[in-house]
Amino acid sequence: MSTPWKSPGTEFRTTITGWRGLLLVLGLALAWHALRDMPWAEAWGHLVGMGPYALLVLLALNLVMLPLMTARWWQISRTLGAPVGIIPLCAYRCAANAISYLSPGPHFGGEPLSVYLLHKQQSISLTSATTSVVLDRLLELLASIVVLSIILIMLTATGRSPFLVGWTLPLVIVLLAVLVIFLVALFTNRHPLSRILTLVYKMVYRRDEKTSGTPGARLDTIIQGEALAASLGRQHPSLFLLANLFSLGQWLGVFVEFWLMAAFMGHPLSFMQLTAVVMTARLAFLTPLPAGLGVLEATLPWLTAVLGLGSSLGLSLCLLIRLRDICFSVAGLGLTMKYLTCLGKASTVYR
């Protein structure tokens, strides 16, 4: 009796889903281990002491940051000749972020949904949609690595780093070198992203004589998008300057938000304390665990204790961050379900 044939894509997606489930279990175990002996009464006191005014200020700041986070994507789409309004793009970003929040790592998960929404809701070609999403994420990753590297160097140089000093500088050098190599390969039309995806695919799925081990049309779309991105980078250098300014504004908003959260809890942070807290929180979300689950809960209370602020402040910050992310994720999932189930009806957000 012959066994049912499975497509390579199906086996690949099944393997990735299994890894995500394993990472989720690992994150939950880490979170439980980190939170079981925390000073919950003090942390709850910090949150209650904030009051409704502070929560409204933080909510307003996050609502302002959403279009600021989306402005880079909006500018890229306009440059590609596929302009989309900032309001629907904010809705697409919120929906994609909700998927990414529940997937391993903050930079992966919601991107296929972003491409799909641009293609279906805005009638943009798959190549242009993929290029805009890839460029937006690439420039976001570039800004994150640069800012975090500067923070690491600054904390290490001033001798105020709570981390192991021995590995910070080599880590910064390696990250910057990898990023430079990737950008050079991209803008010299060497297709680094598609090559990496093909390598990962071949590692996860072993080819045999009965099936084809190539990702197929999706990889062709990414290759076309990379070629268009390389051409765009050479012809529109001002785009990258403007996009990086938007990224800088986004990071400024992150610093302001963390300072306000701590200040509303009665612990205004110094500049060096603020940079250490922001770096720790952002690095936690860069881990492969979904939403940095377990890592954020373990590192942030430890860091605030090391800084002499008490572990309860770190726990309060974790709870506030999780509350914010859950609220926006619920809104994003609602938009996702609306878009995926009501394609023929009027959109929630008008074009």
C-alpha atoms as a PDB file:
ATOM      1  CA  MET A   1       0.000   0.000   0.000  1.00  0.00           C
ATOM      2  CA  SER A   2       1.502   3.326  -1.032  1.00  0.00           C
ATOM      3  CA  THR A   3       1.878   6.119   1.499  1.00  0.00           C
ATOM      4  CA  PRO A   4       0.136   9.461   0.826  1.00  0.00           C
ATOM      5  CA  TRP A   5       2.393  11.982  -0.843  1.00  0.00           C
ATOM      6  CA  LYS A   6       3.185  15.154   1.095  1.00  0.00           C
ATOM      7  CA  SER A   7       4.406  18.298  -0.554  1.00  0.00           C
ATOM      8  CA  PRO A   8       7.770  19.645   0.614  1.00  0.00           C
ATOM      9  CA  GLY A   9       6.092  22.868   1.785  1.00  0.00           C
ATOM     10  CA  THR A  10       3.688  20.932   4.007  1.00  0.00           C
ATOM     11  CA  GLU A  11       6.517  19.036   5.706  1.00  0.00           C
ATOM     12  CA  PHE A  12       8.508  22.265   6.098  1.00  0.00           C
ATOM     13  CA  ARG A  13       5.583  24.094   7.720  1.00  0.00           C
ATOM     14  CA  THR A  14       4.904  21.126  10.032  1.00  0.00           C
ATOM     15  CA  THR A  15       8.537  21.145  11.215  1.00  0.00           C
ATOM     16  CA  ILE A  16       8.465  24.906  11.881  1.00  0.00           C
ATOM     17  CA  THR A  17       5.156  24.591  13.774  1.00  0.00           C
ATOM     18  CA  GLY A  18       6.657  21.862  15.942  1.00  0.00           C
ATOM     19  CA  TRP A  19       9.624  24.038  16.801  1.00  0.00           C
ATOM     20  CA  ARG A  20       7.312  26.929  17.705  1.00  0.00           C
ATOM     21  CA  GLY A  21       5.365  24.711  20.091  1.00  0.00           C
ATOM     22  CA  LEU A  22       8.584  23.517  21.712  1.00  0.00           C
ATOM     23  CA  LEU A  23       9.845  27.085  22.112  1.00  0.00           C
ATOM     24  CA  LEU A  24       6.524  28.151  23.643  1.00  0.00           C
ATOM     25  CA  VAL A  25       6.761  25.396  26.262  1.00  0.00           C
ATOM     26  CA  LEU A  26      10.358  26.391  27.001  1.00  0.00           C
ATOM     27  CA  GLY A  27       9.335  30.050  27.376  1.00  0.00           C
ATOM     28  CA  LEU A  28       6.513  29.183  29.765  1.00  0.00           C
ATOM     29  CA  ALA A  29       8.898  27.083  31.875  1.00  0.00           C
ATOM     30  CA  LEU A  30      11.431  29.922  32.026  1.00  0.00           C
ATOM     31  CA  ALA A  31       8.712  32.425  32.962  1.00  0.00           C
ATOM     32  CA  TRP A  32       7.421  30.192  35.758  1.00  0.00           C
ATOM     33  CA  HIS A  33      10.933  29.668  37.114  1.00  0.00           C
ATOM     34  CA  ALA A  34      11.697  33.405  36.990  1.00  0.00           C
ATOM     35  CA  LEU A  35       8.433  34.615  38.549  1.00  0.00           C
ATOM     36  CA  ARG A  36       7.805  32.102  41.308  1.00  0.00           C
ATOM     37  CA  ASP A  37       9.843  33.936  43.976  1.00  0.00           C
ATOM     38  CA  MET A  38       9.233  37.535  42.864  1.00  0.00           C
ATOM     39  CA  PRO A  39       7.944  40.288  45.209  1.00  0.00           C
ATOM     40  CA  TRP A  40       4.460  40.410  43.723  1.00  0.00           C
ATOM     41  CA  ALA A  41       2.964  42.633  46.440  1.00  0.00           C
ATOM     42  CA  GLU A  42       5.533  45.397  45.854  1.00  0.00           C
ATOM     43  CA  ALA A  43       5.186  45.127  42.072  1.00  0.00           C
ATOM     44  CA  TRP A  44       1.414  45.380  42.292  1.00  0.00           C
ATOM     45  CA  GLY A  45       1.823  48.422  44.535  1.00  0.00           C
ATOM     46  CA  HIS A  46       3.916  50.121  41.833  1.00  0.00           C
ATOM     47  CA  LEU A  47       1.207  49.501  39.231  1.00  0.00           C
ATOM     48  CA  VAL A  48      -1.694  50.617  41.426  1.00  0.00           C
ATOM     49  CA  GLY A  49       0.210  53.745  42.431  1.00  0.00           C
ATOM     50  CA  MET A  50       0.470  54.874  38.820  1.00  0.00           C
ATOM     51  CA  GLY A  51      -3.166  55.890  38.572  1.00  0.00           C
ATOM     52  CA  PRO A  52      -5.422  56.197  35.502  1.00  0.00           C
ATOM     53  CA  TYR A  53      -3.747  59.414  34.280  1.00  0.00           C
ATOM     54  CA  ALA A  54      -0.399  57.654  33.815  1.00  0.00           C
ATOM     55  CA  LEU A  55      -2.045  54.776  31.920  1.00  0.00           C
ATOM     56  CA  LEU A  56      -3.792  57.242  29.598  1.00  0.00           C
ATOM     57  CA  VAL A  57      -0.498  59.031  28.911  1.00  0.00           C
ATOM     58  CA  LEU A  58       1.227  55.736  28.069  1.00  0.00           C
ATOM     59  CA  LEU A  59      -1.685  54.672  25.855  1.00  0.00           C
ATOM     60  CA  ALA A  60      -1.582  58.001  24.005  1.00  0.00           C
ATOM     61  CA  LEU A  61       2.178  57.668  23.510  1.00  0.00           C
ATOM     62  CA  ASN A  62       1.781  54.179  22.020  1.00  0.00           C
ATOM     63  CA  LEU A  63      -0.972  55.368  19.688  1.00  0.00           C
ATOM     64  CA  VAL A  64       1.366  58.130  18.478  1.00  0.00           C
ATOM     65  CA  MET A  65       4.219  55.655  18.060  1.00  0.00           C
ATOM     66  CA  LEU A  66       2.178  53.351  15.820  1.00  0.00           C
ATOM     67  CA  PRO A  67       2.169  55.705  12.783  1.00  0.00           C
ATOM     68  CA  LEU A  68       5.782  56.604  13.572  1.00  0.00           C
ATOM     69  CA  MET A  69       6.696  52.894  13.401  1.00  0.00           C
ATOM     70  CA  THR A  70       4.751  52.603  10.137  1.00  0.00           C
ATOM     71  CA  ALA A  71       6.122  55.744   8.452  1.00  0.00           C
ATOM     72  CA  ARG A  72       9.205  53.917   7.167  1.00  0.00           C
ATOM     73  CA  TRP A  73       7.042  51.281   5.447  1.00  0.00           C
ATOM     74  CA  TRP A  74       4.768  54.017   4.075  1.00  0.00           C
ATOM     75  CA  GLN A  75       7.758  55.861   2.557  1.00  0.00           C
ATOM     76  CA  ILE A  76       9.161  52.665   1.010  1.00  0.00           C
ATOM     77  CA  SER A  77       5.802  51.835  -0.581  1.00  0.00           C
ATOM     78  CA  ARG A  78       5.575  55.312  -2.092  1.00  0.00           C
ATOM     79  CA  THR A  79       9.089  55.051  -3.506  1.00  0.00           C
ATOM     80  CA  LEU A  80       8.219  51.697  -5.087  1.00  0.00           C
ATOM     81  CA  GLY A  81       5.341  53.343  -6.927  1.00  0.00           C
ATOM     82  CA  ALA A  82       2.723  51.521  -4.833  1.00  0.00           C
ATOM     83  CA  PRO A  83       1.483  54.203  -2.414  1.00  0.00           C
ATOM     84  CA  VAL A  84      -0.758  53.141   0.453  1.00  0.00           C
ATOM     85  CA  GLY A  85      -2.403  55.399   3.023  1.00  0.00           C
ATOM     86  CA  ILE A  86      -0.793  55.623   6.426  1.00  0.00           C
ATOM     87  CA  ILE A  87      -4.003  54.580   8.235  1.00  0.00           C
ATOM     88  CA  PRO A  88      -4.495  51.206   6.468  1.00  0.00           C
ATOM     89  CA  LEU A  89      -0.758  50.549   6.776  1.00  0.00           C
ATOM     90  CA  CYS A  90      -1.019  51.139  10.534  1.00  0.00           C
ATOM     91  CA  ALA A  91      -3.838  48.578  10.639  1.00  0.00           C
ATOM     92  CA  TYR A  92      -1.780  46.069   8.626  1.00  0.00           C
ATOM     93  CA  ARG A  93       1.207  46.688  10.907  1.00  0.00           C
ATOM     94  CA  CYS A  94      -0.909  46.089  13.994  1.00  0.00           C
ATOM     95  CA  ALA A  95      -2.249  42.833  12.522  1.00  0.00           C
ATOM     96  CA  ALA A  96       1.209  41.627  11.492  1.00  0.00           C
ATOM     97  CA  ASN A  97       2.712  42.549  14.869  1.00  0.00           C
ATOM     98  CA  ALA A  98       0.098  40.416  16.600  1.00  0.00           C
ATOM     99  CA  ILE A  99       1.217  37.377  14.577  1.00  0.00           C
ATOM    100  CA  SER A 100       4.901  38.173  15.136  1.00  0.00           C
ATOM    101  CA  TYR A 101       4.324  38.590  18.870  1.00  0.00           C
ATOM    102  CA  LEU A 102       3.175  34.979  19.104  1.00  0.00           C
ATOM    103  CA  SER A 103       5.920  33.640  16.806  1.00  0.00           C
ATOM    104  CA  PRO A 104       9.611  32.979  17.577  1.00  0.00           C
ATOM    105  CA  GLY A 105      11.468  36.261  17.397  1.00  0.00           C
ATOM    106  CA  PRO A 106      10.045  39.754  16.802  1.00  0.00           C
ATOM    107  CA  HIS A 107      11.164  40.048  13.157  1.00  0.00           C
ATOM    108  CA  PHE A 108       9.464  36.954  11.795  1.00  0.00           C
ATOM    109  CA  GLY A 109       5.916  35.709  11.695  1.00  0.00           C
ATOM    110  CA  GLY A 110       3.724  38.553  10.490  1.00  0.00           C
ATOM    111  CA  GLU A 111       5.599  39.359   7.277  1.00  0.00           C
ATOM    112  CA  PRO A 112       3.632  36.931   5.028  1.00  0.00           C
ATOM    113  CA  LEU A 113       0.422  38.488   6.348  1.00  0.00           C
ATOM    114  CA  SER A 114       1.719  41.983   5.509  1.00  0.00           C
ATOM    115  CA  VAL A 115       2.487  40.899   1.938  1.00  0.00           C
ATOM    116  CA  TYR A 116      -0.887  39.186   1.650  1.00  0.00           C
ATOM    117  CA  LEU A 117      -2.803  42.245   2.861  1.00  0.00           C
ATOM    118  CA  LEU A 118      -0.967  44.592   0.508  1.00  0.00           C
ATOM    119  CA  HIS A 119      -1.677  42.241  -2.397  1.00  0.00           C
ATOM    120  CA  LYS A 120      -5.321  41.498  -1.627  1.00  0.00           C
ATOM    121  CA  GLN A 121      -6.507  44.713   0.026  1.00  0.00           C
ATOM    122  CA  GLN A 122      -4.518  47.212  -2.041  1.00  0.00           C
ATOM    123  CA  SER A 123      -4.047  45.245  -5.322  1.00  0.00           C
ATOM    124  CA  ILE A 124      -0.258  45.643  -5.162  1.00  0.00           C
ATOM    125  CA  SER A 125       1.899  43.128  -7.023  1.00  0.00           C
ATOM    126  CA  LEU A 126       3.496  40.379  -4.968  1.00  0.00           C
ATOM    127  CA  THR A 127       6.965  41.568  -5.948  1.00  0.00           C
ATOM    128  CA  SER A 128       6.383  45.163  -4.807  1.00  0.00           C
ATOM    129  CA  ALA A 129       4.581  44.032  -1.644  1.00  0.00           C
ATOM    130  CA  THR A 130       7.365  41.602  -0.742  1.00  0.00           C
ATOM    131  CA  THR A 131      10.047  44.198  -1.452  1.00  0.00           C
ATOM    132  CA  SER A 132       8.413  46.836   0.733  1.00  0.00           C
ATOM    133  CA  VAL A 133       8.019  44.403   3.644  1.00  0.00           C
ATOM    134  CA  VAL A 134      11.559  43.011   3.310  1.00  0.00           C
ATOM    135  CA  LEU A 135      13.112  46.496   3.108  1.00  0.00           C
ATOM    136  CA  ASP A 136      11.080  47.743   6.067  1.00  0.00           C
ATOM    137  CA  ARG A 137      12.138  44.818   8.245  1.00  0.00           C
ATOM    138  CA  LEU A 138      15.727  45.030   7.057  1.00  0.00           C
ATOM    139  CA  LEU A 139      15.983  48.721   7.915  1.00  0.00           C
ATOM    140  CA  GLU A 140      14.303  48.095  11.268  1.00  0.00           C
ATOM    141  CA  LEU A 141      16.847  45.367  12.029  1.00  0.00           C
ATOM    142  CA  LEU A 142      19.645  47.693  10.923  1.00  0.00           C
ATOM    143  CA  ALA A 143      18.492  50.419  13.305  1.00  0.00           C
ATOM    144  CA  SER A 144      18.108  47.933  16.169  1.00  0.00           C
ATOM    145  CA  ILE A 145      21.613  46.519  15.738  1.00  0.00           C
ATOM    146  CA  VAL A 146      23.191  49.973  15.452  1.00  0.00           C
ATOM    147  CA  VAL A 147      21.387  51.418  18.489  1.00  0.00           C
ATOM    148  CA  LEU A 148      21.978  48.343  20.651  1.00  0.00           C
ATOM    149  CA  SER A 149      25.634  48.240  19.605  1.00  0.00           C
ATOM    150  CA  ILE A 150      26.101  51.897  20.565  1.00  0.00           C
ATOM    151  CA  ILE A 151      24.487  51.223  23.947  1.00  0.00           C
ATOM    152  CA  LEU A 152      26.717  48.194  24.559  1.00  0.00           C
ATOM    153  CA  ILE A 153      29.861  50.144  23.657  1.00  0.00           C
ATOM    154  CA  MET A 154      28.805  53.108  25.794  1.00  0.00           C
ATOM    155  CA  LEU A 155      27.990  51.017  28.864  1.00  0.00           C
ATOM    156  CA  THR A 156      31.210  49.047  28.511  1.00  0.00           C
ATOM    157  CA  ALA A 157      33.375  52.143  27.979  1.00  0.00           C
ATOM    158  CA  THR A 158      31.953  53.884  31.062  1.00  0.00           C
ATOM    159  CA  GLY A 159      32.388  50.773  33.202  1.00  0.00           C
ATOM    160  CA  ARG A 160      28.699  50.771  34.131  1.00  0.00           C
ATOM    161  CA  SER A 161      27.665  47.698  32.187  1.00  0.00           C
ATOM    162  CA  PRO A 162      25.901  45.112  34.372  1.00  0.00           C
ATOM    163  CA  PHE A 163      26.710  42.492  31.740  1.00  0.00           C
ATOM    164  CA  LEU A 164      29.816  40.439  31.166  1.00  0.00           C
ATOM    165  CA  VAL A 165      32.297  42.931  29.716  1.00  0.00           C
ATOM    166  CA  GLY A 166      34.405  40.285  28.013  1.00  0.00           C
ATOM    167  CA  TRP A 167      31.905  39.355  25.303  1.00  0.00           C
ATOM    168  CA  THR A 168      30.183  42.678  24.609  1.00  0.00           C
ATOM    169  CA  LEU A 169      32.747  44.184  22.253  1.00  0.00           C
ATOM    170  CA  PRO A 170      33.267  40.986  20.188  1.00  0.00           C
ATOM    171  CA  LEU A 171      29.486  40.616  19.952  1.00  0.00           C
ATOM    172  CA  VAL A 172      29.117  44.176  18.652  1.00  0.00           C
ATOM    173  CA  ILE A 173      31.868  43.636  16.075  1.00  0.00           C
ATOM    174  CA  VAL A 174      30.337  40.363  14.857  1.00  0.00           C
ATOM    175  CA  LEU A 175      26.834  41.843  14.563  1.00  0.00           C
ATOM    176  CA  LEU A 176      28.029  44.899  12.660  1.00  0.00           C
ATOM    177  CA  ALA A 177      30.204  42.773  10.355  1.00  0.00           C
ATOM    178  CA  VAL A 178      27.315  40.423   9.554  1.00  0.00           C
ATOM    179  CA  LEU A 179      25.026  43.361   8.874  1.00  0.00           C
ATOM    180  CA  VAL A 180      27.539  45.096   6.596  1.00  0.00           C
ATOM    181  CA  ILE A 181      28.139  41.869   4.645  1.00  0.00           C
ATOM    182  CA  PHE A 182      24.395  41.343   4.264  1.00  0.00           C
ATOM    183  CA  LEU A 183      23.770  44.894   3.027  1.00  0.00           C
ATOM    184  CA  VAL A 184      26.686  44.761   0.588  1.00  0.00           C
ATOM    185  CA  ALA A 185      25.428  41.431  -0.765  1.00  0.00           C
ATOM    186  CA  LEU A 186      21.889  42.772  -1.082  1.00  0.00           C
ATOM    187  CA  PHE A 187      22.785  45.954  -2.938  1.00  0.00           C
ATOM    188  CA  THR A 188      25.248  44.168  -5.244  1.00  0.00           C
ATOM    189  CA  ASN A 189      22.394  41.900  -6.345  1.00  0.00           C
ATOM    190  CA  ARG A 190      23.769  38.674  -4.812  1.00  0.00           C
ATOM    191  CA  HIS A 191      20.392  37.621  -3.329  1.00  0.00           C
ATOM    192  CA  PRO A 192      21.523  36.945   0.277  1.00  0.00           C
ATOM    193  CA  LEU A 193      18.020  36.510   1.722  1.00  0.00           C
ATOM    194  CA  SER A 194      16.866  33.956  -0.836  1.00  0.00           C
ATOM    195  CA  ARG A 195      20.148  32.057  -0.485  1.00  0.00           C
ATOM    196  CA  ILE A 196      19.752  31.912   3.296  1.00  0.00           C
ATOM    197  CA  LEU A 197      16.135  30.748   2.992  1.00  0.00           C
ATOM    198  CA  THR A 198      17.132  28.067   0.477  1.00  0.00           C
ATOM    199  CA  LEU A 199      19.891  26.837   2.809  1.00  0.00           C
ATOM    200  CA  VAL A 200      17.509  26.709   5.786  1.00  0.00           C
ATOM    201  CA  TYR A 201      14.942  24.887   3.674  1.00  0.00           C
ATOM    202  CA  LYS A 202      17.477  22.271   2.610  1.00  0.00           C
ATOM    203  CA  MET A 203      18.610  21.808   6.219  1.00  0.00           C
ATOM    204  CA  VAL A 204      15.055  21.293   7.480  1.00  0.00           C
ATOM    205  CA  TYR A 205      13.826  19.277   4.520  1.00  0.00           C
ATOM    206  CA  ARG A 206      16.083  16.576   3.111  1.00  0.00           C
ATOM    207  CA  ARG A 207      15.497  15.963  -0.578  1.00  0.00           C
ATOM    208  CA  ASP A 208      14.898  12.472  -1.877  1.00  0.00           C
ATOM    209  CA  GLU A 209      14.184  10.936  -5.273  1.00  0.00           C
ATOM    210  CA  LYS A 210      10.397  11.269  -5.013  1.00  0.00           C
ATOM    211  CA  THR A 211      10.024  14.955  -4.201  1.00  0.00           C
ATOM    212  CA  SER A 212      11.491  18.251  -5.166  1.00  0.00           C
ATOM    213  CA  GLY A 213      13.355  20.129  -2.433  1.00  0.00           C
ATOM    214  CA  THR A 214      12.908  23.672  -3.756  1.00  0.00           C
ATOM    215  CA  PRO A 215      10.610  26.279  -2.160  1.00  0.00           C
ATOM    216  CA  GLY A 216       9.215  27.171  -5.594  1.00  0.00           C
ATOM    217  CA  ALA A 217       7.280  30.297  -6.587  1.00  0.00           C
ATOM    218  CA  ARG A 218       7.629  32.016  -3.205  1.00  0.00           C
ATOM    219  CA  LEU A 219      11.397  31.945  -3.472  1.00  0.00           C
ATOM    220  CA  ASP A 220      11.181  33.358  -7.007  1.00  0.00           C
ATOM    221  CA  THR A 221       9.124  36.236  -5.624  1.00  0.00           C
ATOM    222  CA  ILE A 222      11.758  36.935  -2.961  1.00  0.00           C
ATOM    223  CA  ILE A 223      14.528  36.862  -5.580  1.00  0.00           C
ATOM    224  CA  GLN A 224      12.634  39.403  -7.689  1.00  0.00           C
ATOM    225  CA  GLY A 225      12.081  41.521  -4.604  1.00  0.00           C
ATOM    226  CA  GLU A 226      15.789  41.462  -3.754  1.00  0.00           C
ATOM    227  CA  ALA A 227      16.684  42.589  -7.283  1.00  0.00           C
ATOM    228  CA  LEU A 228      14.187  45.441  -7.043  1.00  0.00           C
ATOM    229  CA  ALA A 229      15.537  46.388  -3.602  1.00  0.00           C
ATOM    230  CA  ALA A 230      19.095  46.548  -4.955  1.00  0.00           C
ATOM    231  CA  SER A 231      17.965  48.776  -7.825  1.00  0.00           C
ATOM    232  CA  LEU A 232      15.985  50.947  -5.425  1.00  0.00           C
ATOM    233  CA  GLY A 233      18.967  51.412  -3.111  1.00  0.00           C
ATOM    234  CA  ARG A 234      21.156  52.629  -5.957  1.00  0.00           C
ATOM    235  CA  GLN A 235      18.577  54.942  -7.500  1.00  0.00           C
ATOM    236  CA  HIS A 236      17.010  56.420  -4.338  1.00  0.00           C
ATOM    237  CA  PRO A 237      19.698  56.851  -1.645  1.00  0.00           C
ATOM    238  CA  SER A 238      17.600  59.558   0.026  1.00  0.00           C
ATOM    239  CA  LEU A 239      15.023  56.884   0.821  1.00  0.00           C
ATOM    240  CA  PHE A 240      17.398  55.160   3.230  1.00  0.00           C
ATOM    241  CA  LEU A 241      18.318  58.419   4.930  1.00  0.00           C
ATOM    242  CA  LEU A 242      14.654  59.266   5.492  1.00  0.00           C
ATOM    243  CA  ALA A 243      13.844  55.720   6.577  1.00  0.00           C
ATOM    244  CA  ASN A 244      16.660  55.771   9.126  1.00  0.00           C
ATOM    245  CA  LEU A 245      15.340  59.078  10.490  1.00  0.00           C
ATOM    246  CA  PHE A 246      11.968  57.396  11.021  1.00  0.00           C
ATOM    247  CA  SER A 247      13.783  54.534  12.782  1.00  0.00           C
ATOM    248  CA  LEU A 248      15.573  57.027  15.012  1.00  0.00           C
ATOM    249  CA  GLY A 249      12.245  58.603  15.930  1.00  0.00           C
ATOM    250  CA  GLN A 250      10.849  55.174  16.760  1.00  0.00           C
ATOM    251  CA  TRP A 251      13.771  54.434  19.087  1.00  0.00           C
ATOM    252  CA  LEU A 252      13.394  57.838  20.734  1.00  0.00           C
ATOM    253  CA  GLY A 253       9.785  56.934  21.474  1.00  0.00           C
ATOM    254  CA  VAL A 254      10.931  53.657  23.062  1.00  0.00           C
ATOM    255  CA  PHE A 255      13.310  55.506  25.403  1.00  0.00           C
ATOM    256  CA  VAL A 256      10.615  58.033  26.335  1.00  0.00           C
ATOM    257  CA  GLU A 257       8.107  55.258  27.050  1.00  0.00           C
ATOM    258  CA  PHE A 258      10.451  53.336  29.373  1.00  0.00           C
ATOM    259  CA  TRP A 259      11.446  56.498  31.239  1.00  0.00           C
ATOM    260  CA  LEU A 260       7.785  57.449  31.726  1.00  0.00           C
ATOM    261  CA  MET A 261       6.838  53.961  32.932  1.00  0.00           C
ATOM    262  CA  ALA A 262       9.563  53.978  35.570  1.00  0.00           C
ATOM    263  CA  ALA A 263       8.888  57.612  36.534  1.00  0.00           C
ATOM    264  CA  PHE A 264       5.168  56.964  37.019  1.00  0.00           C
ATOM    265  CA  MET A 265       6.158  54.138  39.392  1.00  0.00           C
ATOM    266  CA  GLY A 266       8.260  56.547  41.435  1.00  0.00           C
ATOM    267  CA  HIS A 267      11.667  55.544  40.043  1.00  0.00           C
ATOM    268  CA  PRO A 268      12.847  58.034  37.387  1.00  0.00           C
ATOM    269  CA  LEU A 269      15.850  56.484  35.678  1.00  0.00           C
ATOM    270  CA  SER A 270      19.166  58.137  34.988  1.00  0.00           C
ATOM    271  CA  PHE A 271      20.403  58.086  31.396  1.00  0.00           C
ATOM    272  CA  MET A 272      22.733  55.123  31.959  1.00  0.00           C
ATOM    273  CA  GLN A 273      20.059  53.184  33.874  1.00  0.00           C
ATOM    274  CA  LEU A 274      17.562  53.900  31.102  1.00  0.00           C
ATOM    275  CA  THR A 275      19.896  52.668  28.363  1.00  0.00           C
ATOM    276  CA  ALA A 276      20.598  49.451  30.276  1.00  0.00           C
ATOM    277  CA  VAL A 277      16.889  48.774  30.862  1.00  0.00           C
ATOM    278  CA  VAL A 278      15.946  49.489  27.237  1.00  0.00           C
ATOM    279  CA  MET A 279      18.748  47.305  25.903  1.00  0.00           C
ATOM    280  CA  THR A 280      17.818  44.401  28.187  1.00  0.00           C
ATOM    281  CA  ALA A 281      14.155  44.553  27.198  1.00  0.00           C
ATOM    282  CA  ARG A 282      14.886  44.788  23.461  1.00  0.00           C
ATOM    283  CA  LEU A 283      17.442  41.969  23.553  1.00  0.00           C
ATOM    284  CA  ALA A 284      14.860  39.784  25.302  1.00  0.00           C
ATOM    285  CA  PHE A 285      12.489  40.263  22.369  1.00  0.00           C
ATOM    286  CA  LEU A 286      15.263  39.367  19.916  1.00  0.00           C
ATOM    287  CA  THR A 287      15.570  35.865  21.364  1.00  0.00           C
ATOM    288  CA  PRO A 288      13.891  33.035  19.397  1.00  0.00           C
ATOM    289  CA  LEU A 289      11.287  32.481  22.127  1.00  0.00           C
ATOM    290  CA  PRO A 290       7.769  33.769  21.316  1.00  0.00           C
ATOM    291  CA  ALA A 291       7.525  37.374  22.597  1.00  0.00           C
ATOM    292  CA  GLY A 292      10.728  36.831  24.568  1.00  0.00           C
ATOM    293  CA  LEU A 293       8.639  34.805  27.003  1.00  0.00           C
ATOM    294  CA  GLY A 294      10.594  33.907  30.115  1.00  0.00           C
ATOM    295  CA  VAL A 295      13.668  35.883  29.066  1.00  0.00           C
ATOM    296  CA  LEU A 296      12.107  39.288  29.759  1.00  0.00           C
ATOM    297  CA  GLU A 297      10.722  38.076  33.099  1.00  0.00           C
ATOM    298  CA  ALA A 298      14.100  36.701  34.132  1.00  0.00           C
ATOM    299  CA  THR A 299      16.407  39.518  32.996  1.00  0.00           C
ATOM    300  CA  LEU A 300      14.511  42.738  33.702  1.00  0.00           C
ATOM    301  CA  PRO A 301      13.929  42.167  37.465  1.00  0.00           C
ATOM    302  CA  TRP A 302      17.547  40.962  37.745  1.00  0.00           C
ATOM    303  CA  LEU A 303      18.815  44.098  36.022  1.00  0.00           C
ATOM    304  CA  THR A 304      16.846  46.550  38.163  1.00  0.00           C
ATOM    305  CA  ALA A 305      18.074  44.718  41.268  1.00  0.00           C
ATOM    306  CA  VAL A 306      21.684  45.009  40.045  1.00  0.00           C
ATOM    307  CA  LEU A 307      21.143  48.729  39.384  1.00  0.00           C
ATOM    308  CA  GLY A 308      20.003  49.174  42.988  1.00  0.00           C
ATOM    309  CA  LEU A 309      16.360  49.831  42.066  1.00  0.00           C
ATOM    310  CA  GLY A 310      14.922  46.596  43.425  1.00  0.00           C
ATOM    311  CA  SER A 311      13.593  43.599  41.521  1.00  0.00           C
ATOM    312  CA  SER A 312      10.001  44.729  42.089  1.00  0.00           C
ATOM    313  CA  LEU A 313      10.485  47.611  39.643  1.00  0.00           C
ATOM    314  CA  GLY A 314      11.663  45.210  36.933  1.00  0.00           C
ATOM    315  CA  LEU A 315       8.695  42.935  37.599  1.00  0.00           C
ATOM    316  CA  SER A 316       6.305  45.907  37.392  1.00  0.00           C
ATOM    317  CA  LEU A 317       7.840  46.946  34.074  1.00  0.00           C
ATOM    318  CA  CYS A 318       7.424  43.380  32.779  1.00  0.00           C
ATOM    319  CA  LEU A 319       3.756  43.308  33.765  1.00  0.00           C
ATOM    320  CA  LEU A 320       3.106  46.698  32.174  1.00  0.00           C
ATOM    321  CA  ILE A 321       4.887  45.690  28.961  1.00  0.00           C
ATOM    322  CA  ARG A 322       2.924  42.436  28.770  1.00  0.00           C
ATOM    323  CA  LEU A 323      -0.366  44.263  29.382  1.00  0.00           C
ATOM    324  CA  ARG A 324       0.405  46.741  26.585  1.00  0.00           C
ATOM    325  CA  ASP A 325       1.453  44.015  24.159  1.00  0.00           C
ATOM    326  CA  ILE A 326      -1.571  41.839  24.915  1.00  0.00           C
ATOM    327  CA  CYS A 327      -3.954  44.759  24.307  1.00  0.00           C
ATOM    328  CA  PHE A 328      -2.379  45.593  20.952  1.00  0.00           C
ATOM    329  CA  SER A 329      -2.148  41.892  20.031  1.00  0.00           C
ATOM    330  CA  VAL A 330      -5.854  41.374  20.699  1.00  0.00           C
ATOM    331  CA  ALA A 331      -6.625  44.376  18.485  1.00  0.00           C
ATOM    332  CA  GLY A 332      -4.242  43.035  15.829  1.00  0.00           C
ATOM    333  CA  LEU A 333      -5.756  39.552  15.909  1.00  0.00           C
ATOM    334  CA  GLY A 334      -9.207  41.102  15.545  1.00  0.00           C
ATOM    335  CA  LEU A 335      -8.054  42.979  12.450  1.00  0.00           C
ATOM    336  CA  THR A 336      -6.421  39.799  11.114  1.00  0.00           C
ATOM    337  CA  MET A 337      -9.627  37.806  11.448  1.00  0.00           C
ATOM    338  CA  LYS A 338     -11.585  40.625   9.830  1.00  0.00           C
ATOM    339  CA  TYR A 339      -9.256  40.796   6.842  1.00  0.00           C
ATOM    340  CA  LEU A 340      -9.015  37.027   6.371  1.00  0.00           C
ATOM    341  CA  THR A 341     -12.735  36.269   6.733  1.00  0.00           C
ATOM    342  CA  CYS A 342     -14.282  39.338   5.086  1.00  0.00           C
ATOM    343  CA  LEU A 343     -12.189  39.909   1.974  1.00  0.00           C
ATOM    344  CA  GLY A 344     -15.243  40.695  -0.119  1.00  0.00           C
ATOM    345  CA  LYS A 345     -16.759  43.114   2.360  1.00  0.00           C
ATOM    346  CA  ALA A 346     -15.867  46.639   3.349  1.00  0.00           C
ATOM    347  CA  SER A 347     -12.578  46.851   5.203  1.00  0.00           C
ATOM    348  CA  THR A 348     -12.454  47.784   8.873  1.00  0.00           C
ATOM    349  CA  VAL A 349     -10.133  50.631   7.937  1.00  0.00           C
ATOM    350  CA  TYR A 350     -11.052  52.588   4.860  1.00  0.00           C
ATOM    351  CA  ARG A 351      -8.478  52.785   2.129  1.00  0.00           C
END
